[in-house]
Amino acid sequence: MGDKPVIRRAIGAAAAVAVGLSLAATPASSQSFTDKLKGLFGGGSSEEKPAPAAPSEATGETDLTCPPITVRAGASTFKVGAPGKEAVGNDLRYQATITKTARECTINGGEITAKIGIQGRVIAGPAGAPPSVQVPLRVAVVQAGVGEKVIATKAYQTTVAMSEDSSVPFVLVAEDLVYPAPKGAVADSYVFYVGFDPQALKPEPKAKPAKKK
């Protein structure tokens, strides 16, 4: 008799797993990107690794492979130190990390428009974070392989208001990355790279005025 509660819990856990799997198998076309973000970004610890990318999308125009997302090596953390100091030890003001990702692709007129969702956290350091911080991110679609080729890339920023809590989440959705649809097996070598890019915080260089003739 004492084993029955354990059996019931086991059955309940198995049912929950089955429900989770059935939700994961829902066709992407029946879920909005917002629903996917809620599903992937609905909670969890900041220690989690980036979540697997969502299933490939298909449209009425043609079958479409939506590339997987990878956090670029060396760009998974963004650290800022006190003025004039390196971002290490007690001089660290704050650091940002990427925890989860999601993506969705649509095709129109031979061009693919990608929506990339990035979730992360900003953690205050010993030197104390300012009231708000600018988090710079970059998204790129790359043809991987020998002689890696960048197809399209774009920088983004999001402002994070720091509170008394030393760890604050952020979410960025990049909705305007557009690139030519690859043909044939080439599509299998495409990948979305995401990562922090401090260069995105620098102002764009002003165009030089045209010389008068």
Protein backbone atom coordinates (compact mmCIF):
# COMPACT_ATOMS: atom_id res chain seq x y z
CA MET A 1 0.00 0.00 0.00
CA GLY A 2 2.84 2.35 0.81
CA ASP A 3 4.10 2.13 -2.77
CA LYS A 4 0.88 3.47 -4.37
CA PRO A 5 1.66 7.21 -3.93
CA VAL A 6 5.05 6.60 -5.56
CA ILE A 7 3.37 4.78 -8.48
CA ARG A 8 0.83 7.60 -8.88
CA ARG A 9 3.62 10.18 -8.95
CA ALA A 10 5.51 8.18 -11.56
CA ILE A 11 2.40 7.91 -13.75
CA GLY A 12 1.76 11.63 -13.36
CA ALA A 13 5.34 12.46 -14.33
CA ALA A 14 5.10 10.23 -17.40
CA ALA A 15 1.87 11.92 -18.43
CA ALA A 16 3.48 15.35 -18.04
CA VAL A 17 6.38 14.29 -20.24
CA ALA A 18 3.95 12.98 -22.85
CA VAL A 19 2.06 16.27 -22.85
CA GLY A 20 5.34 18.19 -23.17
CA LEU A 21 6.38 16.07 -26.14
CA SER A 22 3.03 16.56 -27.84
CA LEU A 23 3.36 20.32 -27.44
CA ALA A 24 6.88 20.24 -28.84
CA ALA A 25 5.60 18.37 -31.86
CA THR A 26 2.98 21.01 -32.67
CA PRO A 27 3.60 22.23 -36.24
CA ALA A 28 5.48 25.52 -36.28
CA SER A 29 2.94 26.97 -38.68
CA SER A 30 0.24 26.76 -35.97
CA GLN A 31 2.31 28.65 -33.39
CA SER A 32 3.05 32.34 -33.44
CA PHE A 33 6.59 33.52 -32.76
CA THR A 34 5.28 35.13 -29.58
CA ASP A 35 3.96 31.75 -28.44
CA LYS A 36 7.36 30.20 -29.09
CA LEU A 37 9.07 32.93 -27.08
CA LYS A 38 6.66 32.38 -24.19
CA GLY A 39 7.31 28.66 -24.36
CA LEU A 40 11.09 28.98 -24.49
CA PHE A 41 11.44 32.07 -22.32
CA GLY A 42 8.76 31.21 -19.80
CA GLY A 43 11.17 30.74 -16.93
CA GLY A 44 14.18 28.84 -15.76
CA SER A 45 17.53 29.52 -14.21
CA SER A 46 20.09 31.90 -15.65
CA GLU A 47 22.49 28.97 -15.54
CA GLU A 48 20.66 27.24 -18.40
CA LYS A 49 22.42 26.75 -21.71
CA PRO A 50 20.89 28.18 -24.92
CA ALA A 51 17.76 26.22 -25.79
CA PRO A 52 17.61 24.18 -29.00
CA ALA A 53 16.26 26.17 -31.94
CA ALA A 54 12.61 25.86 -32.89
CA PRO A 55 11.55 23.53 -35.73
CA SER A 56 12.09 24.62 -39.31
CA GLU A 57 9.36 26.70 -40.87
CA ALA A 58 7.50 25.90 -44.07
CA THR A 59 5.59 28.38 -46.18
CA GLY A 60 3.23 28.19 -49.09
CA GLU A 61 5.86 29.52 -51.48
CA THR A 62 8.44 26.76 -50.98
CA ASP A 63 9.85 24.44 -48.36
CA LEU A 64 12.09 26.54 -46.16
CA THR A 65 14.87 25.47 -43.84
CA CYS A 66 15.31 27.87 -40.93
CA PRO A 67 18.99 27.67 -39.89
CA PRO A 68 19.88 26.62 -36.35
CA ILE A 69 21.11 29.19 -33.83
CA THR A 70 24.57 29.08 -32.29
CA VAL A 71 26.07 31.49 -29.77
CA ARG A 72 29.31 32.73 -31.31
CA ALA A 73 32.41 31.46 -29.48
CA GLY A 74 33.93 34.25 -27.43
CA ALA A 75 30.76 36.38 -27.64
CA SER A 76 28.56 34.68 -25.05
CA THR A 77 29.43 37.13 -22.25
CA PHE A 78 29.60 40.93 -22.12
CA LYS A 79 31.54 42.47 -19.21
CA VAL A 80 31.92 46.12 -18.23
CA GLY A 81 34.35 47.40 -15.61
CA ALA A 82 34.59 50.56 -13.57
CA PRO A 83 35.83 53.61 -15.53
CA GLY A 84 39.45 53.10 -16.49
CA LYS A 85 39.51 49.61 -15.02
CA GLU A 86 39.44 46.11 -16.48
CA ALA A 87 36.21 44.16 -15.99
CA VAL A 88 37.68 41.70 -13.48
CA GLY A 89 37.41 41.07 -9.75
CA ASN A 90 36.14 43.95 -7.65
CA ASP A 91 36.32 46.31 -10.63
CA LEU A 92 33.52 44.50 -12.50
CA ARG A 93 30.40 46.68 -12.73
CA TYR A 94 28.17 44.19 -14.50
CA GLN A 95 28.15 41.32 -16.96
CA ALA A 96 25.51 40.04 -19.37
CA THR A 97 25.04 36.47 -20.55
CA ILE A 98 22.84 34.75 -23.14
CA THR A 99 20.68 31.94 -21.77
CA LYS A 100 18.12 31.01 -24.44
CA THR A 101 17.36 31.58 -28.12
CA ALA A 102 14.50 31.09 -30.60
CA ARG A 103 13.98 31.78 -34.29
CA GLU A 104 11.40 31.84 -37.05
CA CYS A 105 11.82 32.25 -40.82
CA THR A 106 9.48 33.32 -43.60
CA ILE A 107 10.17 33.56 -47.33
CA ASN A 108 8.79 36.00 -49.88
CA GLY A 109 10.01 36.84 -53.36
CA GLY A 110 13.21 34.83 -52.96
CA GLU A 111 14.18 36.57 -49.71
CA ILE A 112 14.10 35.15 -46.19
CA THR A 113 13.14 37.31 -43.24
CA ALA A 114 14.33 35.92 -39.91
CA LYS A 115 13.02 36.73 -36.46
CA ILE A 116 15.60 35.94 -33.79
CA GLY A 117 14.73 35.92 -30.10
CA ILE A 118 17.49 36.20 -27.51
CA GLN A 119 17.03 35.94 -23.76
CA GLY A 120 19.72 36.66 -21.20
CA ARG A 121 20.53 38.19 -17.86
CA VAL A 122 22.50 41.18 -16.62
CA ILE A 123 24.24 40.54 -13.31
CA ALA A 124 25.61 43.37 -11.17
CA GLY A 125 29.25 43.12 -10.14
CA PRO A 126 31.14 44.19 -7.00
CA ALA A 127 31.77 47.69 -8.39
CA GLY A 128 28.02 48.30 -8.69
CA ALA A 129 25.94 48.56 -11.86
CA PRO A 130 24.44 51.86 -13.07
CA PRO A 131 20.63 52.41 -13.00
CA SER A 132 20.38 51.22 -16.61
CA VAL A 133 22.74 49.49 -19.02
CA GLN A 134 22.95 49.16 -22.79
CA VAL A 135 23.33 45.58 -23.97
CA PRO A 136 24.86 45.31 -27.48
CA LEU A 137 24.09 42.23 -29.56
CA ARG A 138 24.79 41.07 -33.08
CA VAL A 139 22.90 38.57 -35.23
CA ALA A 140 24.40 37.10 -38.39
CA VAL A 141 23.48 34.45 -40.91
CA VAL A 142 26.60 32.62 -42.04
CA GLN A 143 27.38 29.93 -44.58
CA ALA A 144 29.58 27.63 -42.52
CA GLY A 145 32.42 25.51 -43.82
CA VAL A 146 35.89 26.13 -45.22
CA GLY A 147 36.16 29.86 -45.80
CA GLU A 148 33.12 30.83 -43.72
CA LYS A 149 30.96 33.37 -45.54
CA VAL A 150 28.84 36.04 -43.85
CA ILE A 151 25.56 36.37 -45.74
CA ALA A 152 23.97 39.10 -43.60
CA THR A 153 24.66 40.69 -40.24
CA LYS A 154 23.04 43.34 -38.08
CA ALA A 155 23.75 44.96 -34.70
CA TYR A 156 21.09 45.60 -32.05
CA GLN A 157 20.87 47.22 -28.64
CA THR A 158 18.49 46.84 -25.75
CA THR A 159 18.29 48.90 -22.55
CA VAL A 160 18.03 47.02 -19.26
CA ALA A 161 16.85 48.85 -16.14
CA MET A 162 18.78 47.58 -13.14
CA SER A 163 16.95 47.25 -9.85
CA GLU A 164 17.87 46.35 -6.31
CA ASP A 165 17.97 42.77 -7.56
CA SER A 166 21.50 41.92 -8.66
CA SER A 167 20.28 39.80 -11.60
CA VAL A 168 17.89 41.23 -14.20
CA PRO A 169 16.58 39.35 -17.28
CA PHE A 170 16.36 40.83 -20.77
CA VAL A 171 14.77 39.76 -24.05
CA LEU A 172 15.61 41.06 -27.52
CA VAL A 173 13.66 40.14 -30.65
CA ALA A 174 15.39 41.00 -33.93
CA GLU A 175 12.70 41.00 -36.61
CA ASP A 176 14.40 42.48 -39.64
CA LEU A 177 17.31 40.25 -40.68
CA VAL A 178 16.76 39.71 -44.41
CA TYR A 179 18.91 37.66 -46.78
CA PRO A 180 18.62 35.89 -50.18
CA ALA A 181 17.12 32.41 -49.96
CA PRO A 182 19.85 29.80 -50.56
CA LYS A 183 19.31 27.16 -53.23
CA GLY A 184 19.51 23.40 -52.88
CA ALA A 185 21.83 21.75 -50.38
CA VAL A 186 23.60 25.05 -49.66
CA ALA A 187 20.82 25.83 -47.18
CA ASP A 188 22.03 23.01 -44.94
CA SER A 189 25.29 24.86 -44.28
CA TYR A 190 23.59 28.07 -43.10
CA VAL A 191 23.62 28.97 -39.40
CA PHE A 192 22.49 31.94 -37.30
CA TYR A 193 25.20 33.27 -35.02
CA VAL A 194 24.27 35.46 -32.06
CA GLY A 195 26.52 37.12 -29.53
CA PHE A 196 27.47 40.32 -27.75
CA ASP A 197 29.22 42.97 -29.82
CA PRO A 198 30.60 46.01 -27.94
CA GLN A 199 31.17 47.72 -31.31
CA ALA A 200 27.39 48.06 -31.60
CA LEU A 201 27.50 50.70 -28.85
CA LYS A 202 29.72 52.99 -30.89
CA PRO A 203 27.94 55.63 -32.97
CA GLU A 204 27.82 55.15 -36.72
CA PRO A 205 30.52 57.19 -38.51
CA LYS A 206 29.10 60.31 -40.09
CA ALA A 207 29.08 60.39 -43.86
CA LYS A 208 31.56 62.82 -45.31
CA PRO A 209 29.93 65.71 -47.22
CA ALA A 210 30.32 65.55 -50.96
CA LYS A 211 33.01 67.82 -52.32
CA LYS A 212 31.78 70.73 -54.36
CA LYS A 213 33.04 70.85 -57.88
